C-alpha atoms as a PDB file:
ATOM      1  CA  UNK A   1     137.767 115.139 116.415  1.00  0.00           C
ATOM      2  CA  UNK A   2     137.365 112.755 119.450  1.00  0.00           C
ATOM      3  CA  UNK A   3     134.189 111.023 121.164  1.00  0.00           C
ATOM      4  CA  UNK A   4     133.973 113.714 123.931  1.00  0.00           C
ATOM      5  CA  UNK A   5     134.529 116.889 121.459  1.00  0.00           C
ATOM      6  CA  UNK A   6     131.970 115.212 119.000  1.00  0.00           C
ATOM      7  CA  UNK A   7     129.407 114.958 121.394  1.00  0.00           C
ATOM      8  CA  UNK A   8     129.958 118.708 123.058  1.00  0.00           C
ATOM      9  CA  UNK A   9     129.778 119.604 119.557  1.00  0.00           C
ATOM     10  CA  UNK A  10     126.623 117.956 118.780  1.00  0.00           C
ATOM     11  CA  UNK A  11     125.206 119.139 122.491  1.00  0.00           C
ATOM     12  CA  UNK A  12     126.089 122.909 121.707  1.00  0.00           C
ATOM     13  CA  UNK A  13     124.347 122.087 117.934  1.00  0.00           C
ATOM     14  CA  UNK A  14     121.342 121.153 119.844  1.00  0.00           C
ATOM     15  CA  UNK A  15     121.043 123.821 122.453  1.00  0.00           C
ATOM     16  CA  UNK A  16     121.731 126.612 119.582  1.00  0.00           C
ATOM     17  CA  UNK A  17     118.815 124.953 117.367  1.00  0.00           C
ATOM     18  CA  UNK A  18     116.807 124.579 120.382  1.00  0.00           C
ATOM     19  CA  UNK A  19     116.514 128.509 121.195  1.00  0.00           C
ATOM     20  CA  UNK A  20     116.232 129.828 117.653  1.00  0.00           C
ATOM     21  CA  UNK A  21     113.108 126.641 117.387  1.00  0.00           C
ATOM     22  CA  UNK A  22     111.541 127.979 120.835  1.00  0.00           C
ATOM     23  CA  UNK A  23     111.888 131.785 119.657  1.00  0.00           C
ATOM     24  CA  UNK A  24     109.693 130.979 116.148  1.00  0.00           C
ATOM     25  CA  UNK A  25     107.899 128.184 117.629  1.00  0.00           C
ATOM     26  CA  UNK A  26     104.668 129.881 116.506  1.00  0.00           C
ATOM     27  CA  UNK A  27     106.192 130.577 112.690  1.00  0.00           C
ATOM     28  CA  UNK A  28     106.394 126.343 112.586  1.00  0.00           C
ATOM     29  CA  UNK A  29     104.288 123.772 111.242  1.00  0.00           C
ATOM     30  CA  UNK A  30     102.393 121.132 113.221  1.00  0.00           C
ATOM     31  CA  UNK A  31     102.950 117.521 111.620  1.00  0.00           C
ATOM     32  CA  UNK A  32     100.541 115.616 109.533  1.00  0.00           C
ATOM     33  CA  UNK A  33     101.501 111.992 110.017  1.00  0.00           C
ATOM     34  CA  UNK A  34     103.388 110.083 113.019  1.00  0.00           C
ATOM     35  CA  UNK A  35     105.348 106.808 112.944  1.00  0.00           C
ATOM     36  CA  UNK A  36     104.121 105.560 116.205  1.00  0.00           C
ATOM     37  CA  UNK A  37     105.494 102.000 116.648  1.00  0.00           C
ATOM     38  CA  UNK A  38     105.731  99.368 117.163  1.00  0.00           C
ATOM     39  CA  UNK A  39     109.075  99.601 118.616  1.00  0.00           C
ATOM     40  CA  UNK A  40     112.161  97.502 117.541  1.00  0.00           C
ATOM     41  CA  UNK A  41     109.314  96.534 114.248  1.00  0.00           C
ATOM     42  CA  UNK A  42     111.712  98.675 111.813  1.00  0.00           C
ATOM     43  CA  UNK A  43     110.264 102.513 112.800  1.00  0.00           C
ATOM     44  CA  UNK A  44     114.116 103.693 112.014  1.00  0.00           C
ATOM     45  CA  UNK A  45     113.836 101.806 108.833  1.00  0.00           C
ATOM     46  CA  UNK A  46     110.750 103.509 107.761  1.00  0.00           C
ATOM     47  CA  UNK A  47     111.704 107.075 108.969  1.00  0.00           C
ATOM     48  CA  UNK A  48     114.739 106.574 106.958  1.00  0.00           C
ATOM     49  CA  UNK A  49     113.466 105.633 103.877  1.00  0.00           C
ATOM     50  CA  UNK A  50     110.789 108.143 103.879  1.00  0.00           C
ATOM     51  CA  UNK A  51     113.334 111.114 104.373  1.00  0.00           C
ATOM     52  CA  UNK A  52     114.448 110.255 101.275  1.00  0.00           C
ATOM     53  CA  UNK A  53     111.527 111.716  99.587  1.00  0.00           C
ATOM     54  CA  UNK A  54     111.781 115.148  98.824  1.00  0.00           C
ATOM     55  CA  UNK A  55     108.009 115.994  99.557  1.00  0.00           C
ATOM     56  CA  UNK A  56     108.950 114.904 103.185  1.00  0.00           C
ATOM     57  CA  UNK A  57     110.067 116.657 106.180  1.00  0.00           C
ATOM     58  CA  UNK A  58     111.091 115.802 109.621  1.00  0.00           C
ATOM     59  CA  UNK A  59     111.148 116.648 112.990  1.00  0.00           C
ATOM     60  CA  UNK A  60     114.453 118.717 113.026  1.00  0.00           C
ATOM     61  CA  UNK A  61     117.793 117.313 114.861  1.00  0.00           C
ATOM     62  CA  UNK A  62     115.931 114.009 115.946  1.00  0.00           C
ATOM     63  CA  UNK A  63     113.541 111.246 114.725  1.00  0.00           C
ATOM     64  CA  UNK A  64     111.001 111.535 117.927  1.00  0.00           C
ATOM     65  CA  UNK A  65     109.908 114.057 119.834  1.00  0.00           C
ATOM     66  CA  UNK A  66     107.983 112.040 122.314  1.00  0.00           C
ATOM     67  CA  UNK A  67     105.592 114.581 123.178  1.00  0.00           C
ATOM     68  CA  UNK A  68     102.176 112.519 123.269  1.00  0.00           C
ATOM     69  CA  UNK A  69     103.773 110.058 125.969  1.00  0.00           C
ATOM     70  CA  UNK A  70     106.637 111.615 127.709  1.00  0.00           C
ATOM     71  CA  UNK A  71     106.603 115.296 127.389  1.00  0.00           C
ATOM     72  CA  UNK A  72     103.027 116.086 127.438  1.00  0.00           C
ATOM     73  CA  UNK A  73     103.722 118.440 130.314  1.00  0.00           C
ATOM     74  CA  UNK A  74     105.037 120.867 127.949  1.00  0.00           C
ATOM     75  CA  UNK A  75     102.903 122.977 125.759  1.00  0.00           C
ATOM     76  CA  UNK A  76     101.428 122.245 122.155  1.00  0.00           C
ATOM     77  CA  UNK A  77     104.001 125.034 121.261  1.00  0.00           C
ATOM     78  CA  UNK A  78     107.057 123.541 122.535  1.00  0.00           C
ATOM     79  CA  UNK A  79     106.000 120.147 120.463  1.00  0.00           C
ATOM     80  CA  UNK A  80     105.687 122.784 117.496  1.00  0.00           C
ATOM     81  CA  UNK A  81     108.849 124.330 118.005  1.00  0.00           C
ATOM     82  CA  UNK A  82     110.681 121.012 116.659  1.00  0.00           C
ATOM     83  CA  UNK A  83     109.824 121.029 113.243  1.00  0.00           C
ATOM     84  CA  UNK A  84     109.922 123.285 110.320  1.00  0.00           C
ATOM     85  CA  UNK A  85     108.769 126.903 109.772  1.00  0.00           C
ATOM     86  CA  UNK A  86     105.783 127.563 108.199  1.00  0.00           C
ATOM     87  CA  UNK A  87     108.156 129.104 105.702  1.00  0.00           C
ATOM     88  CA  UNK A  88     110.001 126.787 104.715  1.00  0.00           C
ATOM     89  CA  UNK A  89     106.422 124.168 104.199  1.00  0.00           C
ATOM     90  CA  UNK A  90     105.243 126.263 101.820  1.00  0.00           C
ATOM     91  CA  UNK A  91     108.614 126.952 100.046  1.00  0.00           C
ATOM     92  CA  UNK A  92     108.533 123.095  99.460  1.00  0.00           C
ATOM     93  CA  UNK A  93     105.281 123.082  98.840  1.00  0.00           C
ATOM     94  CA  UNK A  94     105.576 125.389  95.824  1.00  0.00           C
ATOM     95  CA  UNK A  95     108.744 123.799  94.340  1.00  0.00           C
ATOM     96  CA  UNK A  96     107.464 120.374  94.208  1.00  0.00           C
ATOM     97  CA  UNK A  97     103.778 121.356  93.137  1.00  0.00           C
ATOM     98  CA  UNK A  98     101.918 119.047  95.565  1.00  0.00           C
ATOM     99  CA  UNK A  99     101.196 119.402  99.705  1.00  0.00           C
ATOM    100  CA  UNK A 100     104.608 118.518 101.994  1.00  0.00           C
ATOM    101  CA  UNK A 101     104.171 115.462 104.456  1.00  0.00           C
ATOM    102  CA  UNK A 102     105.546 116.615 107.930  1.00  0.00           C
ATOM    103  CA  UNK A 103     105.911 114.287 110.127  1.00  0.00           C
ATOM    104  CA  UNK A 104     108.342 112.298 113.966  1.00  0.00           C
ATOM    105  CA  UNK A 105     108.283 108.837 114.822  1.00  0.00           C
ATOM    106  CA  UNK A 106     108.025 108.167 118.165  1.00  0.00           C
ATOM    107  CA  UNK A 107     107.760 104.179 118.851  1.00  0.00           C
ATOM    108  CA  UNK A 108     106.263 104.415 122.216  1.00  0.00           C
ATOM    109  CA  UNK A 109     103.208 106.456 121.473  1.00  0.00           C
ATOM    110  CA  UNK A 110     101.307 102.847 120.261  1.00  0.00           C
ATOM    111  CA  UNK A 111     101.997 100.955 123.763  1.00  0.00           C
ATOM    112  CA  UNK A 112     101.470 104.471 125.897  1.00  0.00           C
ATOM    113  CA  UNK A 113      97.568 104.849 126.765  1.00  0.00           C
ATOM    114  CA  UNK A 114      97.507 107.998 126.716  1.00  0.00           C
ATOM    115  CA  UNK A 115      99.214 108.818 123.327  1.00  0.00           C
ATOM    116  CA  UNK A 116      96.051 108.057 121.100  1.00  0.00           C
ATOM    117  CA  UNK A 117      93.717 110.580 122.771  1.00  0.00           C
ATOM    118  CA  UNK A 118      96.403 113.259 122.990  1.00  0.00           C
ATOM    119  CA  UNK A 119      96.711 113.035 119.457  1.00  0.00           C
ATOM    120  CA  UNK A 120      93.356 113.257 118.365  1.00  0.00           C
ATOM    121  CA  UNK A 121      92.934 116.233 120.380  1.00  0.00           C
ATOM    122  CA  UNK A 122      95.684 117.980 119.372  1.00  0.00           C
ATOM    123  CA  UNK A 123      96.664 116.891 115.837  1.00  0.00           C
ATOM    124  CA  UNK A 124      92.998 115.943 114.745  1.00  0.00           C
ATOM    125  CA  UNK A 125      93.450 113.838 111.451  1.00  0.00           C
ATOM    126  CA  UNK A 126      96.701 113.039 111.552  1.00  0.00           C
ATOM    127  CA  UNK A 127      97.788 110.337 109.625  1.00  0.00           C
ATOM    128  CA  UNK A 128      99.480 107.104 111.314  1.00  0.00           C
ATOM    129  CA  UNK A 129     101.852 104.657 110.604  1.00  0.00           C
ATOM    130  CA  UNK A 130     101.986 101.345 112.275  1.00  0.00           C
ATOM    131  CA  UNK A 131     104.904  98.808 111.535  1.00  0.00           C
ATOM    132  CA  UNK A 132     103.942  95.090 113.322  1.00  0.00           C
ATOM    133  CA  UNK A 133     106.324  92.369 113.776  1.00  0.00           C
ATOM    134  CA  UNK A 134     106.853  88.614 114.627  1.00  0.00           C
ATOM    135  CA  UNK A 135     105.833  89.614 118.389  1.00  0.00           C
ATOM    136  CA  UNK A 136     108.058  86.764 119.657  1.00  0.00           C
ATOM    137  CA  UNK A 137     111.143  88.304 117.322  1.00  0.00           C
ATOM    138  CA  UNK A 138     109.986  91.924 118.900  1.00  0.00           C
ATOM    139  CA  UNK A 139     110.336  90.745 122.347  1.00  0.00           C
ATOM    140  CA  UNK A 140     113.556  88.995 121.875  1.00  0.00           C
ATOM    141  CA  UNK A 141     114.761  92.420 119.858  1.00  0.00           C
ATOM    142  CA  UNK A 142     113.459  94.039 122.208  1.00  0.00           C
ATOM    143  CA  UNK A 143     115.022  92.723 125.531  1.00  0.00           C
ATOM    144  CA  UNK A 144     118.771  92.678 123.342  1.00  0.00           C
ATOM    145  CA  UNK A 145     118.268  96.913 122.886  1.00  0.00           C
ATOM    146  CA  UNK A 146     117.656  97.714 126.456  1.00  0.00           C
ATOM    147  CA  UNK A 147     120.120  95.647 127.623  1.00  0.00           C
ATOM    148  CA  UNK A 148     122.214  97.769 125.094  1.00  0.00           C
ATOM    149  CA  UNK A 149     120.758 100.995 126.955  1.00  0.00           C
ATOM    150  CA  UNK A 150     121.596  99.789 130.013  1.00  0.00           C
ATOM    151  CA  UNK A 151     118.165  99.637 130.855  1.00  0.00           C
ATOM    152  CA  UNK A 152     117.574  95.530 131.370  1.00  0.00           C
ATOM    153  CA  UNK A 153     120.252  93.209 133.491  1.00  0.00           C
ATOM    154  CA  UNK A 154     118.212  90.272 133.396  1.00  0.00           C
ATOM    155  CA  UNK A 155     118.333  87.250 130.861  1.00  0.00           C
ATOM    156  CA  UNK A 156     115.445  87.059 128.459  1.00  0.00           C
ATOM    157  CA  UNK A 157     113.710  84.041 130.039  1.00  0.00           C
ATOM    158  CA  UNK A 158     114.213  86.096 133.667  1.00  0.00           C
ATOM    159  CA  UNK A 159     112.693  89.082 132.250  1.00  0.00           C
ATOM    160  CA  UNK A 160     109.756  87.759 130.428  1.00  0.00           C
ATOM    161  CA  UNK A 161     109.417  86.064 134.528  1.00  0.00           C
ATOM    162  CA  UNK A 162     109.630  89.416 136.076  1.00  0.00           C
ATOM    163  CA  UNK A 163     107.161  90.949 133.562  1.00  0.00           C
ATOM    164  CA  UNK A 164     103.743  91.017 135.007  1.00  0.00           C
ATOM    165  CA  UNK A 165     104.998  92.262 138.259  1.00  0.00           C
ATOM    166  CA  UNK A 166     107.061  94.981 136.973  1.00  0.00           C
ATOM    167  CA  UNK A 167     104.020  96.068 134.795  1.00  0.00           C
ATOM    168  CA  UNK A 168     101.378  95.166 137.695  1.00  0.00           C
ATOM    169  CA  UNK A 169      99.262  98.740 137.808  1.00  0.00           C
ATOM    170  CA  UNK A 170     101.800 100.837 136.103  1.00  0.00           C
ATOM    171  CA  UNK A 171      99.331 101.627 132.903  1.00  0.00           C
ATOM    172  CA  UNK A 172      96.754 102.530 135.520  1.00  0.00           C
ATOM    173  CA  UNK A 173      98.899 104.784 136.952  1.00  0.00           C
ATOM    174  CA  UNK A 174      99.715 106.373 133.969  1.00  0.00           C
ATOM    175  CA  UNK A 175      95.870 106.610 132.826  1.00  0.00           C
ATOM    176  CA  UNK A 176      94.766 108.409 136.637  1.00  0.00           C
ATOM    177  CA  UNK A 177      98.157 110.598 136.520  1.00  0.00           C
ATOM    178  CA  UNK A 178      99.517 109.568 139.681  1.00  0.00           C
ATOM    179  CA  UNK A 179     103.012 109.376 137.741  1.00  0.00           C
ATOM    180  CA  UNK A 180     103.525 110.850 134.215  1.00  0.00           C
ATOM    181  CA  UNK A 181     106.444 108.011 133.506  1.00  0.00           C
ATOM    182  CA  UNK A 182     107.333 104.606 134.091  1.00  0.00           C
ATOM    183  CA  UNK A 183     110.583 103.107 133.356  1.00  0.00           C
ATOM    184  CA  UNK A 184     109.142  99.555 133.330  1.00  0.00           C
ATOM    185  CA  UNK A 185     106.147 100.085 131.438  1.00  0.00           C
ATOM    186  CA  UNK A 186     108.271 102.222 128.661  1.00  0.00           C
ATOM    187  CA  UNK A 187     111.543  99.939 129.106  1.00  0.00           C
ATOM    188  CA  UNK A 188     110.515  96.236 130.156  1.00  0.00           C
ATOM    189  CA  UNK A 189     107.254  95.497 128.859  1.00  0.00           C
ATOM    190  CA  UNK A 190     108.726  92.487 126.266  1.00  0.00           C
ATOM    191  CA  UNK A 191     105.661  90.298 125.881  1.00  0.00           C
ATOM    192  CA  UNK A 192     102.671  93.090 126.734  1.00  0.00           C
ATOM    193  CA  UNK A 193     103.810  95.146 123.565  1.00  0.00           C
ATOM    194  CA  UNK A 194     103.162  92.549 121.367  1.00  0.00           C
ATOM    195  CA  UNK A 195      99.658  92.346 121.898  1.00  0.00           C
ATOM    196  CA  UNK A 196      99.043  94.704 118.993  1.00  0.00           C
ATOM    197  CA  UNK A 197      95.536  94.290 118.696  1.00  0.00           C
ATOM    198  CA  UNK A 198      94.526  96.251 121.807  1.00  0.00           C
ATOM    199  CA  UNK A 199      97.068  98.653 121.224  1.00  0.00           C
ATOM    200  CA  UNK A 200      95.515  99.025 117.308  1.00  0.00           C
ATOM    201  CA  UNK A 201      92.043  99.050 118.770  1.00  0.00           C
ATOM    202  CA  UNK A 202      92.744 101.967 121.102  1.00  0.00           C
ATOM    203  CA  UNK A 203      94.242 103.920 118.815  1.00  0.00           C
ATOM    204  CA  UNK A 204      91.710 103.625 115.779  1.00  0.00           C
ATOM    205  CA  UNK A 205      89.499 104.006 118.683  1.00  0.00           C
ATOM    206  CA  UNK A 206      90.729 107.714 119.220  1.00  0.00           C
ATOM    207  CA  UNK A 207      91.970 108.577 116.025  1.00  0.00           C
ATOM    208  CA  UNK A 208      89.620 106.827 113.199  1.00  0.00           C
ATOM    209  CA  UNK A 209      90.678 103.578 111.554  1.00  0.00           C
ATOM    210  CA  UNK A 210      90.249 105.529 108.234  1.00  0.00           C
ATOM    211  CA  UNK A 211      93.685 107.685 109.575  1.00  0.00           C
ATOM    212  CA  UNK A 212      95.651 104.452 110.463  1.00  0.00           C
ATOM    213  CA  UNK A 213      98.033 102.687 108.307  1.00  0.00           C
ATOM    214  CA  UNK A 214      99.012  99.273 109.467  1.00  0.00           C
ATOM    215  CA  UNK A 215     102.212  97.447 107.771  1.00  0.00           C
ATOM    216  CA  UNK A 216     103.940  94.041 108.283  1.00  0.00           C
ATOM    217  CA  UNK A 217     106.877  94.797 108.916  1.00  0.00           C
ATOM    218  CA  UNK A 218     108.770  91.303 107.483  1.00  0.00           C
ATOM    219  CA  UNK A 219     106.364  92.463 104.118  1.00  0.00           C
ATOM    220  CA  UNK A 220     108.622  95.964 103.813  1.00  0.00           C
ATOM    221  CA  UNK A 221     111.700  93.950 104.842  1.00  0.00           C
ATOM    222  CA  UNK A 222     111.862  91.542 102.172  1.00  0.00           C
ATOM    223  CA  UNK A 223     109.683  93.411  99.751  1.00  0.00           C
ATOM    224  CA  UNK A 224     109.724  97.390  99.969  1.00  0.00           C
ATOM    225  CA  UNK A 225     109.277  97.477  96.360  1.00  0.00           C
ATOM    226  CA  UNK A 226     105.231  96.448  96.925  1.00  0.00           C
ATOM    227  CA  UNK A 227     104.879  98.292  99.981  1.00  0.00           C
ATOM    228  CA  UNK A 228     106.048 101.454  99.475  1.00  0.00           C
ATOM    229  CA  UNK A 229     103.549 102.536  97.115  1.00  0.00           C
ATOM    230  CA  UNK A 230     100.690 102.206  99.971  1.00  0.00           C
ATOM    231  CA  UNK A 231     102.695 104.300 102.053  1.00  0.00           C
ATOM    232  CA  UNK A 232     103.140 106.924  99.605  1.00  0.00           C
ATOM    233  CA  UNK A 233      99.394 106.692  98.961  1.00  0.00           C
ATOM    234  CA  UNK A 234      98.565 107.049 102.060  1.00  0.00           C
ATOM    235  CA  UNK A 235     100.715 109.756 102.785  1.00  0.00           C
ATOM    236  CA  UNK A 236      99.333 111.583  99.339  1.00  0.00           C
ATOM    237  CA  UNK A 237     102.677 111.429  97.974  1.00  0.00           C
ATOM    238  CA  UNK A 238     103.501 110.727  94.689  1.00  0.00           C
ATOM    239  CA  UNK A 239     105.476 107.324  94.074  1.00  0.00           C
ATOM    240  CA  UNK A 240     109.402 108.212  94.057  1.00  0.00           C
ATOM    241  CA  UNK A 241     112.216 106.162  93.828  1.00  0.00           C
ATOM    242  CA  UNK A 242     114.383 105.662  97.274  1.00  0.00           C
ATOM    243  CA  UNK A 243     116.646 103.341  98.458  1.00  0.00           C
ATOM    244  CA  UNK A 244     115.905 100.502 100.407  1.00  0.00           C
ATOM    245  CA  UNK A 245     117.793  99.753 103.422  1.00  0.00           C
ATOM    246  CA  UNK A 246     117.387  98.119 106.753  1.00  0.00           C
ATOM    247  CA  UNK A 247     118.535  99.955 109.626  1.00  0.00           C
ATOM    248  CA  UNK A 248     119.331  99.445 113.734  1.00  0.00           C
ATOM    249  CA  UNK A 249     119.151  95.494 113.467  1.00  0.00           C
ATOM    250  CA  UNK A 250     121.171  94.018 116.379  1.00  0.00           C
ATOM    251  CA  UNK A 251     123.248  90.491 116.221  1.00  0.00           C
ATOM    252  CA  UNK A 252     122.207  88.335 119.289  1.00  0.00           C
ATOM    253  CA  UNK A 253     122.201  84.604 120.168  1.00  0.00           C
ATOM    254  CA  UNK A 254     119.620  82.757 118.920  1.00  0.00           C
ATOM    255  CA  UNK A 255     116.199  82.586 121.244  1.00  0.00           C
ATOM    256  CA  UNK A 256     116.022  78.755 122.616  1.00  0.00           C
ATOM    257  CA  UNK A 257     113.218  76.762 121.060  1.00  0.00           C
ATOM    258  CA  UNK A 258     111.018  76.242 124.728  1.00  0.00           C
ATOM    259  CA  UNK A 259     110.604  80.480 125.238  1.00  0.00           C
ATOM    260  CA  UNK A 260     110.105  80.871 121.108  1.00  0.00           C
ATOM    261  CA  UNK A 261     107.148  78.105 121.878  1.00  0.00           C
ATOM    262  CA  UNK A 262     105.571  79.616 124.819  1.00  0.00           C
ATOM    263  CA  UNK A 263     105.405  83.012 123.486  1.00  0.00           C
ATOM    264  CA  UNK A 264     104.707  81.926 120.335  1.00  0.00           C
ATOM    265  CA  UNK A 265     101.463  80.178 121.952  1.00  0.00           C
ATOM    266  CA  UNK A 266     100.862  82.632 124.125  1.00  0.00           C
ATOM    267  CA  UNK A 267     100.279  85.566 121.116  1.00  0.00           C
ATOM    268  CA  UNK A 268      98.284  83.103 119.453  1.00  0.00           C
ATOM    269  CA  UNK A 269      94.324  84.300 120.516  1.00  0.00           C
ATOM    270  CA  UNK A 270      96.039  88.382 119.914  1.00  0.00           C
ATOM    271  CA  UNK A 271      97.112  87.164 116.650  1.00  0.00           C
ATOM    272  CA  UNK A 272      93.985  85.605 115.794  1.00  0.00           C
ATOM    273  CA  UNK A 273      91.908  88.855 116.489  1.00  0.00           C
ATOM    274  CA  UNK A 274      94.597  90.975 115.126  1.00  0.00           C
ATOM    275  CA  UNK A 275      94.032  89.004 111.766  1.00  0.00           C
ATOM    276  CA  UNK A 276      89.892  89.891 112.183  1.00  0.00           C
ATOM    277  CA  UNK A 277      90.366  93.208 112.647  1.00  0.00           C
ATOM    278  CA  UNK A 278      93.421  93.555 110.124  1.00  0.00           C
ATOM    279  CA  UNK A 279      91.505  91.860 107.410  1.00  0.00           C
ATOM    280  CA  UNK A 280      94.918  89.562 107.001  1.00  0.00           C
ATOM    281  CA  UNK A 281      96.737  87.174 107.986  1.00  0.00           C
ATOM    282  CA  UNK A 282      99.857  88.963 109.273  1.00  0.00           C
ATOM    283  CA  UNK A 283     103.387  87.157 107.739  1.00  0.00           C
ATOM    284  CA  UNK A 284     104.330  85.174 110.975  1.00  0.00           C
ATOM    285  CA  UNK A 285     101.310  83.178 111.238  1.00  0.00           C
ATOM    286  CA  UNK A 286     101.377  82.605 107.078  1.00  0.00           C
END
């Protein structure tokens, strides 16, 4: 089957499933965990790792639903339609002998200013997983990612220079409801999205600190067998063996040392606050 036919077949499958899911939306469950970010910090790797666990059910046909950031104008019943039926969950519960974890992964939730409060309102008690990566490397990876997707045309250095003007006022426009989406806020916040502490404080204030598990991406990539027990314990799952593989990595040319030093200096005060809030030194500052 050629690429065009494969794409059409996948689209038709999604459409048929979507029609059925919407018709049965009131018979479906809502998630009890979310992977909320950060972008380019290993969310795909964590999602695929969790999907191997027999006690985890994911959103149907997609990694992320993006309800709390991009589709909040739709009803909660639309969001519910993306998840397994209550009957399916009950069946898995009975087979395993413990409650099933149901979730999705939308990395924009951490960065979107309205997502935390929306999550708190609609999914009280939900558990949130956050991955954090060296913000310098995250910024460079995000730029390569957006270039590959056609959402960025400038060089990394020029994009960093343009970032303040691109993002100027965009978050407030989202908060005020002037716009429901901002292209620059979603796709071109390379430096700002690495200022993790502000996002974590906002998230914890909305849902409660005890509902948030923060994972150091480098630790997860380098020593997954040490981090995995923390994740399963947080989700109240038995610690069963899985295969650890890194997904969605991109090859790219080395960052210039001048840019690296500038970004490292920029993130230093944010990383210091993060270490205090987190109670540990991030891997990139050890």
